[in-house]
Amino acid sequence: MLGDWSGVGLPTDHPFDGLLERLGWQGKRFRSCDDVDPLIFGPGIALDPRRMPLGLALRWPRLAGSGVTCGAFRLVLPVFRTRRPAARLATVGFRGTASAAMIYDRQPIVDHFRRIDARRVLGLMEMRRSAPYFFLLASGGSRAPG
C-alpha cells in the first residue's frame, strides 16, 4: 500500500457519491504504516479529517455538494491542511478475512482495502452511523483509476 494512490468514489447512492470528487479529492498517500495521509486534495495537499464536517455532509449531501459549498471549500482548504499523519495502516479482520485497513487517528472511521489487481484496490469506508462508502484506488497517484 505504500506510495501515492489516486482515488474515485463508486456510485452506490451513498451521500458521499461524487461529493469528494467535486471538492477536489485526489486520493491517499501512504508513506509508512504509521504515516498516512487519508485525504489528498488539489495538487498534493494533505487534509486533516478531524477538521472536516463529515457529519454535516452526511446529513445534507446536496448542500455539501453545491457549487457554492465546493467553491468555499477550495478557499478554506489551507485551514484543513496538515503536515502530520492523520491515519495508520494495520491488518484487521473484516468479514472473515485479514485485510489491510487504514485507521483514522481522530475520526471514528476505518477504511478497509481489498486488492483487485496489480495496481487497483477496492476501498470501503466504514463510519459510525453511516452506510459504507465504496471507492477505488489506483497506485501511482497521477491517473484516475479505471
C-alpha atoms as a PDB file:
ATOM      1  CA  MET A   1       0.000   0.000   0.000  1.00  0.00           C
ATOM      2  CA  LEU A   2       2.963   2.365   0.310  1.00  0.00           C
ATOM      3  CA  GLY A   3       3.042   5.279  -2.110  1.00  0.00           C
ATOM      4  CA  ASP A   4       0.532   7.656  -3.691  1.00  0.00           C
ATOM      5  CA  TRP A   5      -2.863   6.337  -4.769  1.00  0.00           C
ATOM      6  CA  SER A   6      -5.394   8.185  -6.898  1.00  0.00           C
ATOM      7  CA  GLY A   7      -8.996   7.702  -5.880  1.00  0.00           C
ATOM      8  CA  VAL A   8     -12.530   7.824  -7.177  1.00  0.00           C
ATOM      9  CA  GLY A   9     -15.809   7.041  -5.454  1.00  0.00           C
ATOM     10  CA  LEU A  10     -18.035   4.210  -6.650  1.00  0.00           C
ATOM     11  CA  PRO A  11     -21.714   5.165  -7.057  1.00  0.00           C
ATOM     12  CA  THR A  12     -23.923   3.325  -4.529  1.00  0.00           C
ATOM     13  CA  ASP A  13     -26.441   6.053  -3.544  1.00  0.00           C
ATOM     14  CA  HIS A  14     -24.274   6.982  -0.562  1.00  0.00           C
ATOM     15  CA  PRO A  15     -24.467  10.663   0.480  1.00  0.00           C
ATOM     16  CA  PHE A  16     -20.762  10.985  -0.437  1.00  0.00           C
ATOM     17  CA  ASP A  17     -21.296   9.773  -4.049  1.00  0.00           C
ATOM     18  CA  GLY A  18     -19.455  12.312  -6.203  1.00  0.00           C
ATOM     19  CA  LEU A  19     -19.002  14.725  -3.295  1.00  0.00           C
ATOM     20  CA  LEU A  20     -15.308  14.134  -2.661  1.00  0.00           C
ATOM     21  CA  GLU A  21     -14.510  14.490  -6.365  1.00  0.00           C
ATOM     22  CA  ARG A  22     -16.472  17.781  -6.577  1.00  0.00           C
ATOM     23  CA  LEU A  23     -14.451  19.051  -3.614  1.00  0.00           C
ATOM     24  CA  GLY A  24     -11.180  18.117  -5.346  1.00  0.00           C
ATOM     25  CA  TRP A  25     -10.270  14.797  -3.707  1.00  0.00           C
ATOM     26  CA  GLN A  26      -7.309  13.185  -5.468  1.00  0.00           C
ATOM     27  CA  GLY A  27      -6.602  10.094  -3.329  1.00  0.00           C
ATOM     28  CA  LYS A  28      -4.461   8.879  -0.422  1.00  0.00           C
ATOM     29  CA  ARG A  29      -0.757   8.814   0.460  1.00  0.00           C
ATOM     30  CA  PHE A  30       0.908   6.016   2.442  1.00  0.00           C
ATOM     31  CA  ARG A  31       4.487   6.879   3.496  1.00  0.00           C
ATOM     32  CA  SER A  32       4.726   4.100   6.108  1.00  0.00           C
ATOM     33  CA  CYS A  33       2.370   2.062   8.284  1.00  0.00           C
ATOM     34  CA  ASP A  34       2.292   4.888  10.843  1.00  0.00           C
ATOM     35  CA  ASP A  35       2.420   7.835   8.432  1.00  0.00           C
ATOM     36  CA  VAL A  36      -0.690   8.057   6.243  1.00  0.00           C
ATOM     37  CA  ASP A  37      -2.488  10.991   4.606  1.00  0.00           C
ATOM     38  CA  PRO A  38      -6.050   9.724   4.146  1.00  0.00           C
ATOM     39  CA  LEU A  39      -7.264  12.779   2.214  1.00  0.00           C
ATOM     40  CA  ILE A  40      -5.197  14.313  -0.586  1.00  0.00           C
ATOM     41  CA  PHE A  41      -6.846  17.252  -2.341  1.00  0.00           C
ATOM     42  CA  GLY A  42      -5.810  19.521  -5.186  1.00  0.00           C
ATOM     43  CA  PRO A  43      -2.118  19.477  -6.016  1.00  0.00           C
ATOM     44  CA  GLY A  44      -0.981  17.041  -3.306  1.00  0.00           C
ATOM     45  CA  ILE A  45      -2.407  18.859  -0.278  1.00  0.00           C
ATOM     46  CA  ALA A  46      -2.955  16.589   2.753  1.00  0.00           C
ATOM     47  CA  LEU A  47      -6.039  17.476   4.803  1.00  0.00           C
ATOM     48  CA  ASP A  48      -6.754  16.675   8.436  1.00  0.00           C
ATOM     49  CA  PRO A  49     -10.045  14.710   8.539  1.00  0.00           C
ATOM     50  CA  ARG A  50     -10.557  15.827  12.157  1.00  0.00           C
ATOM     51  CA  ARG A  51     -11.403  19.296  10.881  1.00  0.00           C
ATOM     52  CA  MET A  52     -13.765  18.114   8.131  1.00  0.00           C
ATOM     53  CA  PRO A  53     -17.511  18.460   8.814  1.00  0.00           C
ATOM     54  CA  LEU A  54     -18.298  14.876   7.789  1.00  0.00           C
ATOM     55  CA  GLY A  55     -21.464  14.673   9.889  1.00  0.00           C
ATOM     56  CA  LEU A  56     -22.907  17.728   8.157  1.00  0.00           C
ATOM     57  CA  ALA A  57     -22.020  16.318   4.749  1.00  0.00           C
ATOM     58  CA  LEU A  58     -23.844  13.084   5.608  1.00  0.00           C
ATOM     59  CA  ARG A  59     -26.947  14.936   6.839  1.00  0.00           C
ATOM     60  CA  TRP A  60     -27.123  17.464   3.979  1.00  0.00           C
ATOM     61  CA  PRO A  61     -25.296  15.975   0.966  1.00  0.00           C
ATOM     62  CA  ARG A  62     -26.985  18.313  -1.549  1.00  0.00           C
ATOM     63  CA  LEU A  63     -25.793  21.357   0.346  1.00  0.00           C
ATOM     64  CA  ALA A  64     -22.313  19.850   0.812  1.00  0.00           C
ATOM     65  CA  GLY A  65     -22.014  19.187  -2.926  1.00  0.00           C
ATOM     66  CA  SER A  66     -23.398  22.515  -4.124  1.00  0.00           C
ATOM     67  CA  GLY A  67     -21.272  24.792  -6.275  1.00  0.00           C
ATOM     68  CA  VAL A  68     -21.214  27.443  -3.555  1.00  0.00           C
ATOM     69  CA  THR A  69     -20.012  24.969  -0.925  1.00  0.00           C
ATOM     70  CA  CYS A  70     -17.374  23.486  -3.244  1.00  0.00           C
ATOM     71  CA  GLY A  71     -16.079  26.970  -4.108  1.00  0.00           C
ATOM     72  CA  ALA A  72     -15.968  27.960  -0.455  1.00  0.00           C
ATOM     73  CA  PHE A  73     -14.195  24.698   0.407  1.00  0.00           C
ATOM     74  CA  ARG A  74     -11.414  25.464  -2.091  1.00  0.00           C
ATOM     75  CA  LEU A  75     -10.960  28.890  -0.490  1.00  0.00           C
ATOM     76  CA  VAL A  76     -10.629  27.486   3.046  1.00  0.00           C
ATOM     77  CA  LEU A  77      -8.512  24.478   2.033  1.00  0.00           C
ATOM     78  CA  PRO A  78      -5.466  25.874   3.913  1.00  0.00           C
ATOM     79  CA  VAL A  79      -7.465  25.699   7.181  1.00  0.00           C
ATOM     80  CA  PHE A  80      -7.794  21.915   6.773  1.00  0.00           C
ATOM     81  CA  ARG A  81      -4.196  21.379   5.632  1.00  0.00           C
ATOM     82  CA  THR A  82      -1.852  19.296   7.755  1.00  0.00           C
ATOM     83  CA  ARG A  83       1.769  18.237   7.577  1.00  0.00           C
ATOM     84  CA  ARG A  84       1.277  15.497  10.175  1.00  0.00           C
ATOM     85  CA  PRO A  85      -0.011  11.976   9.546  1.00  0.00           C
ATOM     86  CA  ALA A  86      -3.736  11.559  10.183  1.00  0.00           C
ATOM     87  CA  ALA A  87      -4.076   7.765   9.980  1.00  0.00           C
ATOM     88  CA  ARG A  88      -2.168   4.496  10.166  1.00  0.00           C
ATOM     89  CA  LEU A  89      -2.232   1.152   8.377  1.00  0.00           C
ATOM     90  CA  ALA A  90      -2.959  -2.116  10.141  1.00  0.00           C
ATOM     91  CA  THR A  91      -4.058  -5.637   9.360  1.00  0.00           C
ATOM     92  CA  VAL A  92      -7.560  -6.277  10.686  1.00  0.00           C
ATOM     93  CA  GLY A  93     -10.176  -8.948  10.312  1.00  0.00           C
ATOM     94  CA  PHE A  94     -13.017  -7.812   8.059  1.00  0.00           C
ATOM     95  CA  ARG A  95     -15.898 -10.104   7.100  1.00  0.00           C
ATOM     96  CA  GLY A  96     -13.861 -13.181   7.971  1.00  0.00           C
ATOM     97  CA  THR A  97     -10.661 -12.253   6.123  1.00  0.00           C
ATOM     98  CA  ALA A  98      -7.482 -10.495   7.237  1.00  0.00           C
ATOM     99  CA  SER A  99      -7.312  -7.234   5.281  1.00  0.00           C
ATOM    100  CA  ALA A 100      -5.320  -4.035   5.124  1.00  0.00           C
ATOM    101  CA  ALA A 101      -7.099  -1.205   6.913  1.00  0.00           C
ATOM    102  CA  MET A 102      -6.455   2.476   7.358  1.00  0.00           C
ATOM    103  CA  ILE A 103      -7.469   3.656  10.829  1.00  0.00           C
ATOM    104  CA  TYR A 104      -8.065   7.379  11.160  1.00  0.00           C
ATOM    105  CA  ASP A 105      -6.408   8.995  14.178  1.00  0.00           C
ATOM    106  CA  ARG A 106      -9.164  11.416  15.211  1.00  0.00           C
ATOM    107  CA  GLN A 107     -12.326  10.260  13.441  1.00  0.00           C
ATOM    108  CA  PRO A 108     -14.405   7.110  14.033  1.00  0.00           C
ATOM    109  CA  ILE A 109     -13.505   5.859  10.539  1.00  0.00           C
ATOM    110  CA  VAL A 110     -11.777   2.749   9.205  1.00  0.00           C
ATOM    111  CA  ASP A 111     -11.068   2.236   5.503  1.00  0.00           C
ATOM    112  CA  HIS A 112     -10.825  -1.449   4.539  1.00  0.00           C
ATOM    113  CA  PHE A 113      -8.901  -2.452   1.402  1.00  0.00           C
ATOM    114  CA  ARG A 114      -9.004  -5.463  -0.901  1.00  0.00           C
ATOM    115  CA  ARG A 115      -6.652  -5.810  -3.864  1.00  0.00           C
ATOM    116  CA  ILE A 116      -8.361  -6.128  -7.252  1.00  0.00           C
ATOM    117  CA  ASP A 117      -5.240  -6.479  -9.414  1.00  0.00           C
ATOM    118  CA  ALA A 118      -1.602  -5.340  -9.528  1.00  0.00           C
ATOM    119  CA  ARG A 119      -2.445  -1.624  -9.449  1.00  0.00           C
ATOM    120  CA  ARG A 120      -6.005  -1.302  -8.106  1.00  0.00           C
ATOM    121  CA  VAL A 121      -7.553  -1.657  -4.658  1.00  0.00           C
ATOM    122  CA  LEU A 122     -11.232  -1.587  -3.673  1.00  0.00           C
ATOM    123  CA  GLY A 123     -11.848   0.533  -0.574  1.00  0.00           C
ATOM    124  CA  LEU A 124     -14.757   0.557   1.852  1.00  0.00           C
ATOM    125  CA  MET A 125     -15.013   3.446   4.299  1.00  0.00           C
ATOM    126  CA  GLU A 126     -16.720   2.327   7.488  1.00  0.00           C
ATOM    127  CA  MET A 127     -18.032   5.173   9.626  1.00  0.00           C
ATOM    128  CA  ARG A 128     -20.286   5.080  12.687  1.00  0.00           C
ATOM    129  CA  ARG A 129     -23.977   5.612  11.965  1.00  0.00           C
ATOM    130  CA  SER A 130     -23.451   5.569   8.193  1.00  0.00           C
ATOM    131  CA  ALA A 131     -23.736   3.098   5.338  1.00  0.00           C
ATOM    132  CA  PRO A 132     -20.359   2.056   3.894  1.00  0.00           C
ATOM    133  CA  TYR A 133     -18.851   4.290   1.225  1.00  0.00           C
ATOM    134  CA  PHE A 134     -17.063   2.435  -1.593  1.00  0.00           C
ATOM    135  CA  PHE A 135     -14.136   3.818  -3.568  1.00  0.00           C
ATOM    136  CA  LEU A 136     -11.402   2.664  -5.905  1.00  0.00           C
ATOM    137  CA  LEU A 137      -7.698   3.436  -5.531  1.00  0.00           C
ATOM    138  CA  ALA A 138      -5.062   3.085  -8.245  1.00  0.00           C
ATOM    139  CA  SER A 139      -1.333   3.076  -7.499  1.00  0.00           C
ATOM    140  CA  GLY A 140       0.748   5.853  -8.941  1.00  0.00           C
ATOM    141  CA  GLY A 141      -1.482   8.695  -7.814  1.00  0.00           C
ATOM    142  CA  SER A 142      -1.413  10.617 -11.082  1.00  0.00           C
ATOM    143  CA  ARG A 143      -4.212   8.961 -13.048  1.00  0.00           C
ATOM    144  CA  ALA A 144      -7.823   8.308 -12.234  1.00  0.00           C
ATOM    145  CA  PRO A 145      -8.496   4.616 -11.515  1.00  0.00           C
ATOM    146  CA  GLY A 146     -10.055   2.640 -14.312  1.00  0.00           C
END
